[in-house]
Amino acid sequence: MTSIAHVASIALGAQRRLHVLSCAERQLRGQGQLSTAAAHGISAYRAVERSSLDVCAENLANLAPANDGAFTPTPEPELA
């Protein structure tokens, strides 16, 4: 059974790797060293990490209880 903490940990790792990728790409571009091959490699790796985030989002949605309208919160009465 997958836990919410486990899925969140995987999502956090993917998000961190995406951030590192973005920083590296920006640095290479700023130095004029971003080749076409490197750009394609970064793009492919970014797609894998985004796919991982999509799967995590789907798993989290399946683990969290859905609000199917069965519970409708009522406003608290004002205290006088």
PDB file of N, CA and C in Angstrom:
ATOM      1  N   MET A   1       0.847  -1.185   0.000  1.00  0.00           N
ATOM      2  CA  MET A   1       0.000   0.000   0.000  1.00  0.00           C
ATOM      3  C   MET A   1       0.890   1.244   0.000  1.00  0.00           C
ATOM      4  N   THR A   2       0.561   2.152  -0.831  1.00  0.00           N
ATOM      5  CA  THR A   2       1.315   3.402  -0.956  1.00  0.00           C
ATOM      6  C   THR A   2       0.745   4.433   0.002  1.00  0.00           C
ATOM      7  N   SER A   3       1.627   5.117   0.701  1.00  0.00           N
ATOM      8  CA  SER A   3       1.165   6.135   1.638  1.00  0.00           C
ATOM      9  C   SER A   3       1.289   7.517   1.009  1.00  0.00           C
ATOM     10  N   ILE A   4       0.547   8.434   1.557  1.00  0.00           N
ATOM     11  CA  ILE A   4       0.598   9.815   1.076  1.00  0.00           C
ATOM     12  C   ILE A   4       2.004  10.377   1.261  1.00  0.00           C
ATOM     13  N   ALA A   5       2.646  10.053   2.373  1.00  0.00           N
ATOM     14  CA  ALA A   5       4.004  10.554   2.633  1.00  0.00           C
ATOM     15  C   ALA A   5       4.988  10.038   1.593  1.00  0.00           C
ATOM     16  N   HIS A   6       4.843   8.772   1.191  1.00  0.00           N
ATOM     17  CA  HIS A   6       5.743   8.191   0.195  1.00  0.00           C
ATOM     18  C   HIS A   6       5.558   8.880  -1.157  1.00  0.00           C
ATOM     19  N   VAL A   7       4.330   9.060  -1.574  1.00  0.00           N
ATOM     20  CA  VAL A   7       4.054   9.715  -2.857  1.00  0.00           C
ATOM     21  C   VAL A   7       4.538  11.167  -2.824  1.00  0.00           C
ATOM     22  N   ALA A   8       4.306  11.846  -1.710  1.00  0.00           N
ATOM     23  CA  ALA A   8       4.754  13.242  -1.577  1.00  0.00           C
ATOM     24  C   ALA A   8       6.272  13.332  -1.628  1.00  0.00           C
ATOM     25  N   SER A   9       6.946  12.342  -1.055  1.00  0.00           N
ATOM     26  CA  SER A   9       8.407  12.317  -1.089  1.00  0.00           C
ATOM     27  C   SER A   9       8.922  12.162  -2.520  1.00  0.00           C
ATOM     28  N   ILE A  10       8.300  11.302  -3.288  1.00  0.00           N
ATOM     29  CA  ILE A  10       8.677  11.119  -4.692  1.00  0.00           C
ATOM     30  C   ILE A  10       8.423  12.395  -5.483  1.00  0.00           C
ATOM     31  N   ALA A  11       7.278  13.028  -5.245  1.00  0.00           N
ATOM     32  CA  ALA A  11       6.944  14.270  -5.944  1.00  0.00           C
ATOM     33  C   ALA A  11       7.930  15.381  -5.588  1.00  0.00           C
ATOM     34  N   LEU A  12       8.299  15.456  -4.329  1.00  0.00           N
ATOM     35  CA  LEU A  12       9.256  16.478  -3.900  1.00  0.00           C
ATOM     36  C   LEU A  12      10.612  16.271  -4.577  1.00  0.00           C
ATOM     37  N   GLY A  13      11.052  15.028  -4.666  1.00  0.00           N
ATOM     38  CA  GLY A  13      12.307  14.725  -5.346  1.00  0.00           C
ATOM     39  C   GLY A  13      12.267  15.126  -6.811  1.00  0.00           C
ATOM     40  N   ALA A  14      11.161  14.827  -7.486  1.00  0.00           N
ATOM     41  CA  ALA A  14      11.017  15.198  -8.892  1.00  0.00           C
ATOM     42  C   ALA A  14      11.022  16.715  -9.053  1.00  0.00           C
ATOM     43  N   GLN A  15      10.358  17.402  -8.145  1.00  0.00           N
ATOM     44  CA  GLN A  15      10.317  18.864  -8.206  1.00  0.00           C
ATOM     45  C   GLN A  15      11.707  19.453  -7.989  1.00  0.00           C
ATOM     46  N   ARG A  16      12.466  18.892  -7.083  1.00  0.00           N
ATOM     47  CA  ARG A  16      13.839  19.365  -6.840  1.00  0.00           C
ATOM     48  C   ARG A  16      14.718  19.137  -8.065  1.00  0.00           C
ATOM     49  N   ARG A  17      14.573  17.964  -8.688  1.00  0.00           N
ATOM     50  CA  ARG A  17      15.373  17.677  -9.882  1.00  0.00           C
ATOM     51  C   ARG A  17      15.002  18.615 -11.021  1.00  0.00           C
ATOM     52  N   LEU A  18      13.734  18.953 -11.148  1.00  0.00           N
ATOM     53  CA  LEU A  18      13.315  19.922 -12.165  1.00  0.00           C
ATOM     54  C   LEU A  18      13.942  21.293 -11.904  1.00  0.00           C
ATOM     55  N   HIS A  19      14.021  21.665 -10.639  1.00  0.00           N
ATOM     56  CA  HIS A  19      14.636  22.950 -10.286  1.00  0.00           C
ATOM     57  C   HIS A  19      16.123  22.950 -10.639  1.00  0.00           C
ATOM     58  N   VAL A  20      16.819  21.867 -10.313  1.00  0.00           N
ATOM     59  CA  VAL A  20      18.247  21.759 -10.636  1.00  0.00           C
ATOM     60  C   VAL A  20      18.454  21.815 -12.144  1.00  0.00           C
ATOM     61  N   LEU A  21      17.603  21.118 -12.880  1.00  0.00           N
ATOM     62  CA  LEU A  21      17.676  21.146 -14.341  1.00  0.00           C
ATOM     63  C   LEU A  21      17.508  22.565 -14.881  1.00  0.00           C
ATOM     64  N   SER A  22      16.539  23.263 -14.358  1.00  0.00           N
ATOM     65  CA  SER A  22      16.269  24.622 -14.797  1.00  0.00           C
ATOM     66  C   SER A  22      17.455  25.538 -14.516  1.00  0.00           C
ATOM     67  N   CYS A  23      18.042  25.400 -13.336  1.00  0.00           N
ATOM     68  CA  CYS A  23      19.212  26.218 -12.982  1.00  0.00           C
ATOM     69  C   CYS A  23      20.399  25.907 -13.885  1.00  0.00           C
ATOM     70  N   ALA A  24      20.633  24.626 -14.143  1.00  0.00           N
ATOM     71  CA  ALA A  24      21.746  24.230 -15.005  1.00  0.00           C
ATOM     72  C   ALA A  24      21.538  24.742 -16.430  1.00  0.00           C
ATOM     73  N   GLU A  25      20.315  24.614 -16.919  1.00  0.00           N
ATOM     74  CA  GLU A  25      20.018  25.089 -18.274  1.00  0.00           C
ATOM     75  C   GLU A  25      20.224  26.600 -18.376  1.00  0.00           C
ATOM     76  N   ARG A  26      19.769  27.326 -17.375  1.00  0.00           N
ATOM     77  CA  ARG A  26      19.936  28.775 -17.364  1.00  0.00           C
ATOM     78  C   ARG A  26      21.420  29.161 -17.340  1.00  0.00           C
ATOM     79  N   GLN A  27      22.196  28.448 -16.547  1.00  0.00           N
ATOM     80  CA  GLN A  27      23.625  28.728 -16.450  1.00  0.00           C
ATOM     81  C   GLN A  27      24.325  28.440 -17.778  1.00  0.00           C
ATOM     82  N   LEU A  28      24.022  27.294 -18.384  1.00  0.00           N
ATOM     83  CA  LEU A  28      24.621  26.957 -19.677  1.00  0.00           C
ATOM     84  C   LEU A  28      24.240  27.981 -20.750  1.00  0.00           C
ATOM     85  N   ARG A  29      22.977  28.361 -20.746  1.00  0.00           N
ATOM     86  CA  ARG A  29      22.512  29.342 -21.728  1.00  0.00           C
ATOM     87  C   ARG A  29      23.211  30.682 -21.511  1.00  0.00           C
ATOM     88  N   GLY A  30      23.362  31.086 -20.263  1.00  0.00           N
ATOM     89  CA  GLY A  30      24.019  32.350 -19.944  1.00  0.00           C
ATOM     90  C   GLY A  30      25.487  32.373 -20.362  1.00  0.00           C
ATOM     91  N   GLN A  31      26.121  31.210 -20.321  1.00  0.00           N
ATOM     92  CA  GLN A  31      27.521  31.110 -20.714  1.00  0.00           C
ATOM     93  C   GLN A  31      27.690  30.808 -22.201  1.00  0.00           C
ATOM     94  N   GLY A  32      26.566  30.671 -22.909  1.00  0.00           N
ATOM     95  CA  GLY A  32      26.616  30.364 -24.333  1.00  0.00           C
ATOM     96  C   GLY A  32      27.089  28.948 -24.620  1.00  0.00           C
ATOM     97  N   GLN A  33      26.901  28.032 -23.675  1.00  0.00           N
ATOM     98  CA  GLN A  33      27.381  26.660 -23.821  1.00  0.00           C
ATOM     99  C   GLN A  33      26.256  25.642 -23.983  1.00  0.00           C
ATOM    100  N   LEU A  34      25.045  26.108 -24.210  1.00  0.00           N
ATOM    101  CA  LEU A  34      23.916  25.183 -24.351  1.00  0.00           C
ATOM    102  C   LEU A  34      23.838  24.706 -25.799  1.00  0.00           C
ATOM    103  N   SER A  35      24.351  23.510 -26.045  1.00  0.00           N
ATOM    104  CA  SER A  35      24.323  22.947 -27.399  1.00  0.00           C
ATOM    105  C   SER A  35      22.942  22.372 -27.683  1.00  0.00           C
ATOM    106  N   THR A  36      22.706  22.073 -28.931  1.00  0.00           N
ATOM    107  CA  THR A  36      21.426  21.475 -29.326  1.00  0.00           C
ATOM    108  C   THR A  36      21.251  20.113 -28.667  1.00  0.00           C
ATOM    109  N   ALA A  37      22.315  19.331 -28.630  1.00  0.00           N
ATOM    110  CA  ALA A  37      22.242  18.000 -28.009  1.00  0.00           C
ATOM    111  C   ALA A  37      21.931  18.118 -26.515  1.00  0.00           C
ATOM    112  N   ALA A  38      22.570  19.079 -25.854  1.00  0.00           N
ATOM    113  CA  ALA A  38      22.310  19.275 -24.425  1.00  0.00           C
ATOM    114  C   ALA A  38      20.871  19.723 -24.193  1.00  0.00           C
ATOM    115  N   ALA A  39      20.384  20.615 -25.035  1.00  0.00           N
ATOM    116  CA  ALA A  39      19.003  21.092 -24.906  1.00  0.00           C
ATOM    117  C   ALA A  39      18.009  19.950 -25.080  1.00  0.00           C
ATOM    118  N   HIS A  40      18.283  19.048 -26.040  1.00  0.00           N
ATOM    119  CA  HIS A  40      17.396  17.897 -26.242  1.00  0.00           C
ATOM    120  C   HIS A  40      17.459  16.942 -25.051  1.00  0.00           C
ATOM    121  N   GLY A  41      18.652  16.738 -24.503  1.00  0.00           N
ATOM    122  CA  GLY A  41      18.793  15.879 -23.324  1.00  0.00           C
ATOM    123  C   GLY A  41      18.061  16.439 -22.126  1.00  0.00           C
ATOM    124  N   ILE A  42      18.203  17.736 -21.909  1.00  0.00           N
ATOM    125  CA  ILE A  42      17.516  18.389 -20.795  1.00  0.00           C
ATOM    126  C   ILE A  42      16.009  18.296 -20.982  1.00  0.00           C
ATOM    127  N   SER A  43      15.555  18.497 -22.211  1.00  0.00           N
ATOM    128  CA  SER A  43      14.119  18.431 -22.506  1.00  0.00           C
ATOM    129  C   SER A  43      13.567  17.029 -22.221  1.00  0.00           C
ATOM    130  N   ALA A  44      14.309  16.003 -22.609  1.00  0.00           N
ATOM    131  CA  ALA A  44      13.865  14.628 -22.371  1.00  0.00           C
ATOM    132  C   ALA A  44      13.824  14.321 -20.874  1.00  0.00           C
ATOM    133  N   TYR A  45      14.846  14.738 -20.154  1.00  0.00           N
ATOM    134  CA  TYR A  45      14.897  14.496 -18.715  1.00  0.00           C
ATOM    135  C   TYR A  45      13.772  15.253 -18.006  1.00  0.00           C
ATOM    136  N   ARG A  46      13.512  16.477 -18.473  1.00  0.00           N
ATOM    137  CA  ARG A  46      12.425  17.274 -17.893  1.00  0.00           C
ATOM    138  C   ARG A  46      11.074  16.577 -18.116  1.00  0.00           C
ATOM    139  N   ALA A  47      10.891  15.985 -19.288  1.00  0.00           N
ATOM    140  CA  ALA A  47       9.636  15.281 -19.584  1.00  0.00           C
ATOM    141  C   ALA A  47       9.440  14.094 -18.646  1.00  0.00           C
ATOM    142  N   VAL A  48      10.532  13.374 -18.332  1.00  0.00           N
ATOM    143  CA  VAL A  48      10.448  12.241 -17.409  1.00  0.00           C
ATOM    144  C   VAL A  48      10.038  12.715 -16.022  1.00  0.00           C
ATOM    145  N   GLU A  49      10.645  13.796 -15.563  1.00  0.00           N
ATOM    146  CA  GLU A  49      10.320  14.310 -14.224  1.00  0.00           C
ATOM    147  C   GLU A  49       8.887  14.835 -14.162  1.00  0.00           C
ATOM    148  N   ARG A  50       8.440  15.480 -15.219  1.00  0.00           N
ATOM    149  CA  ARG A  50       7.049  15.964 -15.239  1.00  0.00           C
ATOM    150  C   ARG A  50       6.072  14.805 -15.255  1.00  0.00           C
ATOM    151  N   SER A  51       6.437  13.748 -15.974  1.00  0.00           N
ATOM    152  CA  SER A  51       5.600  12.549 -15.993  1.00  0.00           C
ATOM    153  C   SER A  51       5.512  11.951 -14.588  1.00  0.00           C
ATOM    154  N   SER A  52       6.637  11.946 -13.881  1.00  0.00           N
ATOM    155  CA  SER A  52       6.645  11.451 -12.511  1.00  0.00           C
ATOM    156  C   SER A  52       5.718  12.281 -11.627  1.00  0.00           C
ATOM    157  N   LEU A  53       5.754  13.597 -11.817  1.00  0.00           N
ATOM    158  CA  LEU A  53       4.849  14.463 -11.040  1.00  0.00           C
ATOM    159  C   LEU A  53       3.390  14.188 -11.375  1.00  0.00           C
ATOM    160  N   ASP A  54       3.099  13.929 -12.642  1.00  0.00           N
ATOM    161  CA  ASP A  54       1.721  13.618 -13.043  1.00  0.00           C
ATOM    162  C   ASP A  54       1.228  12.337 -12.376  1.00  0.00           C
ATOM    163  N   VAL A  55       2.093  11.329 -12.338  1.00  0.00           N
ATOM    164  CA  VAL A  55       1.726  10.063 -11.701  1.00  0.00           C
ATOM    165  C   VAL A  55       1.516  10.274 -10.201  1.00  0.00           C
ATOM    166  N   CYS A  56       2.380  11.076  -9.594  1.00  0.00           N
ATOM    167  CA  CYS A  56       2.216  11.366  -8.161  1.00  0.00           C
ATOM    168  C   CYS A  56       0.891  12.078  -7.895  1.00  0.00           C
ATOM    169  N   ALA A  57       0.565  13.038  -8.743  1.00  0.00           N
ATOM    170  CA  ALA A  57      -0.702  13.759  -8.577  1.00  0.00           C
ATOM    171  C   ALA A  57      -1.890  12.808  -8.684  1.00  0.00           C
ATOM    172  N   GLU A  58      -1.811  11.887  -9.632  1.00  0.00           N
ATOM    173  CA  GLU A  58      -2.891  10.908  -9.800  1.00  0.00           C
ATOM    174  C   GLU A  58      -2.989  10.000  -8.574  1.00  0.00           C
ATOM    175  N   ASN A  59      -1.831   9.543  -8.077  1.00  0.00           N
ATOM    176  CA  ASN A  59      -1.840   8.688  -6.891  1.00  0.00           C
ATOM    177  C   ASN A  59      -2.360   9.426  -5.665  1.00  0.00           C
ATOM    178  N   LEU A  60      -1.959  10.680  -5.496  1.00  0.00           N
ATOM    179  CA  LEU A  60      -2.461  11.454  -4.358  1.00  0.00           C
ATOM    180  C   LEU A  60      -3.967  11.652  -4.454  1.00  0.00           C
ATOM    181  N   ALA A  61      -4.452  11.896  -5.663  1.00  0.00           N
ATOM    182  CA  ALA A  61      -5.900  12.067  -5.838  1.00  0.00           C
ATOM    183  C   ALA A  61      -6.648  10.784  -5.481  1.00  0.00           C
ATOM    184  N   ASN A  62      -6.042   9.640  -5.774  1.00  0.00           N
ATOM    185  CA  ASN A  62      -6.690   8.366  -5.447  1.00  0.00           C
ATOM    186  C   ASN A  62      -6.614   8.041  -3.959  1.00  0.00           C
ATOM    187  N   LEU A  63      -5.586   8.559  -3.284  1.00  0.00           N
ATOM    188  CA  LEU A  63      -5.442   8.287  -1.856  1.00  0.00           C
ATOM    189  C   LEU A  63      -6.297   9.209  -0.993  1.00  0.00           C
ATOM    190  N   ALA A  64      -6.502  10.434  -1.447  1.00  0.00           N
ATOM    191  CA  ALA A  64      -7.264  11.407  -0.664  1.00  0.00           C
ATOM    192  C   ALA A  64      -8.751  11.121  -0.819  1.00  0.00           C
ATOM    193  N   PRO A  65      -9.494  11.229   0.260  1.00  0.00           N
ATOM    194  CA  PRO A  65     -10.932  10.996   0.150  1.00  0.00           C
ATOM    195  C   PRO A  65     -11.582  12.084  -0.702  1.00  0.00           C
ATOM    196  N   ALA A  66     -12.474  11.667  -1.559  1.00  0.00           N
ATOM    197  CA  ALA A  66     -13.151  12.610  -2.442  1.00  0.00           C
ATOM    198  C   ALA A  66     -14.298  13.292  -1.714  1.00  0.00           C
ATOM    199  N   ASN A  67     -14.512  14.548  -2.025  1.00  0.00           N
ATOM    200  CA  ASN A  67     -15.671  15.255  -1.494  1.00  0.00           C
ATOM    201  C   ASN A  67     -16.781  15.099  -2.519  1.00  0.00           C
ATOM    202  N   ASP A  68     -17.609  14.114  -2.310  1.00  0.00           N
ATOM    203  CA  ASP A  68     -18.670  13.814  -3.265  1.00  0.00           C
ATOM    204  C   ASP A  68     -19.962  14.574  -2.959  1.00  0.00           C
ATOM    205  N   GLY A  69     -19.875  15.539  -2.086  1.00  0.00           N
ATOM    206  CA  GLY A  69     -21.054  16.321  -1.748  1.00  0.00           C
ATOM    207  C   GLY A  69     -21.857  15.719  -0.611  1.00  0.00           C
ATOM    208  N   ALA A  70     -21.431  14.564  -0.116  1.00  0.00           N
ATOM    209  CA  ALA A  70     -22.160  13.931   0.976  1.00  0.00           C
ATOM    210  C   ALA A  70     -22.019  14.734   2.262  1.00  0.00           C
ATOM    211  N   PHE A  71     -20.904  15.429   2.390  1.00  0.00           N
ATOM    212  CA  PHE A  71     -20.686  16.259   3.573  1.00  0.00           C
ATOM    213  C   PHE A  71     -20.694  17.715   3.139  1.00  0.00           C
ATOM    214  N   THR A  72     -21.616  18.460   3.651  1.00  0.00           N
ATOM    215  CA  THR A  72     -21.682  19.881   3.380  1.00  0.00           C
ATOM    216  C   THR A  72     -21.519  20.612   4.705  1.00  0.00           C
ATOM    217  N   PRO A  73     -20.407  21.326   4.854  1.00  0.00           N
ATOM    218  CA  PRO A  73     -20.193  22.012   6.136  1.00  0.00           C
ATOM    219  C   PRO A  73     -21.242  23.093   6.353  1.00  0.00           C
ATOM    220  N   THR A  74     -21.664  23.202   7.588  1.00  0.00           N
ATOM    221  CA  THR A  74     -22.626  24.252   7.929  1.00  0.00           C
ATOM    222  C   THR A  74     -21.872  25.377   8.635  1.00  0.00           C
ATOM    223  N   PRO A  75     -22.275  26.600   8.385  1.00  0.00           N
ATOM    224  CA  PRO A  75     -21.586  27.701   9.040  1.00  0.00           C
ATOM    225  C   PRO A  75     -21.812  27.669  10.550  1.00  0.00           C
ATOM    226  N   GLU A  76     -20.783  28.054  11.254  1.00  0.00           N
ATOM    227  CA  GLU A  76     -20.884  28.127  12.715  1.00  0.00           C
ATOM    228  C   GLU A  76     -21.758  29.316  13.098  1.00  0.00           C
ATOM    229  N   PRO A  77     -22.626  29.118  14.092  1.00  0.00           N
ATOM    230  CA  PRO A  77     -23.443  30.272  14.519  1.00  0.00           C
ATOM    231  C   PRO A  77     -22.546  31.345  15.168  1.00  0.00           C
ATOM    232  N   GLU A  78     -22.915  32.548  14.946  1.00  0.00           N
ATOM    233  CA  GLU A  78     -22.153  33.670  15.508  1.00  0.00           C
ATOM    234  C   GLU A  78     -22.299  33.640  17.042  1.00  0.00           C
ATOM    235  N   LEU A  79     -21.229  33.868  17.716  1.00  0.00           N
ATOM    236  CA  LEU A  79     -21.280  33.952  19.171  1.00  0.00           C
ATOM    237  C   LEU A  79     -21.649  35.362  19.572  1.00  0.00           C
ATOM    238  N   ALA A  80     -22.632  35.480  20.436  1.00  0.00           N
ATOM    239  CA  ALA A  80     -23.107  36.812  20.845  1.00  0.00           C
ATOM    240  C   ALA A  80     -22.323  37.349  22.009  1.00  0.00           C
TER     241      ALA A  80
END
